Protein backbone atom coordinates (compact mmCIF):
# COMPACT_ATOMS: atom_id res chain seq x y z
CA MET A 1 -16.47 -16.95 74.34
CA SER A 2 -19.71 -18.70 73.60
CA GLY A 3 -20.10 -22.22 72.30
CA ASN A 4 -22.72 -20.86 69.92
CA GLN A 5 -20.35 -18.68 67.88
CA THR A 6 -20.54 -18.85 64.13
CA LEU A 7 -18.11 -18.04 61.38
CA ASP A 8 -19.95 -14.72 61.01
CA ASP A 9 -18.74 -13.85 64.52
CA LEU A 10 -15.19 -13.80 63.13
CA ALA A 11 -16.01 -11.38 60.33
CA VAL A 12 -13.93 -8.51 61.76
CA PRO A 13 -10.52 -10.25 61.70
CA MET A 14 -11.35 -12.00 58.42
CA ARG A 15 -12.17 -8.64 56.82
CA ALA A 16 -8.89 -7.25 58.16
CA LEU A 17 -7.01 -10.22 56.67
CA ARG A 18 -8.66 -9.64 53.30
CA LEU A 19 -7.64 -5.98 53.37
CA LEU A 20 -4.09 -6.86 54.41
CA ALA A 21 -3.84 -9.21 51.43
CA VAL A 22 -4.93 -6.40 49.11
CA ASP A 23 -2.84 -3.64 50.68
CA PHE A 24 0.30 -5.61 51.56
CA GLY A 25 0.29 -8.65 49.29
CA HIS A 26 3.93 -7.97 48.45
CA LEU A 27 5.07 -8.54 52.06
CA PRO A 28 6.36 -11.88 53.38
CA ALA A 29 3.55 -14.34 54.10
CA PRO A 30 3.07 -14.79 57.86
CA THR A 31 1.36 -17.57 59.75
CA VAL A 32 -2.21 -16.35 60.26
CA SER A 33 -4.40 -17.14 63.24
CA ILE A 34 -8.04 -16.27 63.90
CA SER A 35 -9.73 -17.80 66.95
CA PRO A 36 -13.22 -17.73 68.43
CA ILE A 37 -11.51 -17.32 71.80
CA TYR A 38 -10.54 -13.76 70.76
CA PRO A 39 -13.10 -13.02 68.03
CA ASP A 40 -11.81 -9.53 67.20
CA ARG A 41 -8.12 -10.49 66.98
CA LEU A 42 -6.01 -11.34 63.96
CA GLU A 43 -2.57 -12.74 64.69
CA LEU A 44 0.29 -12.60 62.20
CA SER A 45 3.41 -14.59 63.15
CA VAL A 46 6.62 -14.28 61.17
CA HIS A 47 8.80 -17.34 61.77
CA PHE A 48 11.48 -16.89 59.13
CA GLY A 49 13.51 -14.07 60.65
CA LEU A 50 13.17 -10.53 61.86
CA PRO A 51 13.40 -8.71 58.50
CA GLY A 52 9.90 -9.99 57.69
CA PHE A 53 8.61 -8.74 61.05
CA GLU A 54 10.19 -5.34 60.41
CA ALA A 55 8.61 -5.11 56.95
CA TRP A 56 5.17 -5.71 58.50
CA ARG A 57 5.85 -3.33 61.39
CA GLU A 58 6.80 -0.54 59.02
CA ALA A 59 3.84 -1.20 56.71
CA LEU A 60 1.47 -1.00 59.68
CA ASN A 61 3.13 2.21 60.92
CA VAL A 62 3.96 0.75 64.32
CA ALA A 63 6.66 2.73 66.12
CA PRO A 64 9.79 0.76 67.13
CA GLU A 65 9.26 1.76 70.76
CA ASP A 66 5.89 -0.05 70.69
CA VAL A 67 7.61 -3.40 70.13
CA THR A 68 8.47 -5.66 73.06
CA TYR A 69 11.48 -7.96 73.05
CA ARG A 70 12.01 -11.20 74.91
CA GLU A 71 13.98 -14.38 74.50
CA GLN A 72 12.95 -18.02 74.67
CA SER A 73 14.47 -21.45 74.06
CA GLY A 74 17.31 -20.82 76.49
CA GLY A 75 18.21 -17.50 74.89
CA ARG A 76 18.50 -18.89 71.35
CA THR A 77 15.31 -17.32 69.95
CA CYS A 78 14.23 -13.71 70.22
CA VAL A 79 10.56 -12.77 70.06
CA LEU A 80 9.32 -9.36 68.95
CA ARG A 81 5.68 -8.54 69.63
CA THR A 82 3.42 -5.58 69.02
CA SER A 83 -0.23 -4.83 68.43
CA ALA A 84 -2.11 -2.33 66.32
CA ALA A 85 -5.65 -1.57 65.27
CA TYR A 86 -6.37 -2.40 61.64
CA ALA A 87 -9.75 -2.34 59.89
CA GLY A 88 -11.55 -2.70 63.20
CA ALA A 89 -9.51 -5.71 64.32
CA GLU A 90 -6.91 -6.03 67.03
CA LEU A 91 -3.84 -7.04 65.05
CA GLU A 92 -1.11 -8.94 66.90
CA LEU A 93 2.23 -9.04 65.08
CA ILE A 94 4.85 -11.49 66.35
CA GLY A 95 8.31 -12.14 64.96
CA TYR A 96 10.73 -14.93 65.79
CA GLY A 97 14.44 -14.88 65.02
CA ASP A 98 17.78 -16.24 66.11
CA VAL A 99 19.59 -14.38 68.86
CA ALA A 100 22.95 -13.24 67.54
CA ALA A 101 25.84 -14.97 69.25
CA PRO A 102 27.73 -12.51 71.48
CA VAL A 103 31.23 -11.62 70.33
CA PRO A 104 33.80 -12.25 73.09
CA ALA A 105 35.67 -9.08 74.12
CA GLU A 106 39.00 -10.74 73.20
CA ALA A 107 37.82 -11.26 69.59
CA GLY A 108 37.15 -7.56 69.12
CA ALA A 109 40.58 -6.54 70.43
CA ALA A 110 42.57 -8.40 67.74
């Protein structure tokens, strides 16, 4: 990263965002992040549940096996993450959702 970067230096992810808006404007709106720290990256974060993440994953043709899963917040929040190339940009797709409460074995045996 250089302290002399300009907005033009972020043209690749901004172009990708413009194309995403045209091609997938019907999908749930994610939080969008473009940073001069990673000038070729566009980050889309879906904070309102995993169905929105899945809609984006499918639209971008990312295979389910290319998604990583982890938990945070003491196991209360799951995080799905994947990346894909799109319009010359490195696209990072992140989804946050609630971890389903485990069903005790006794409850299922009723």
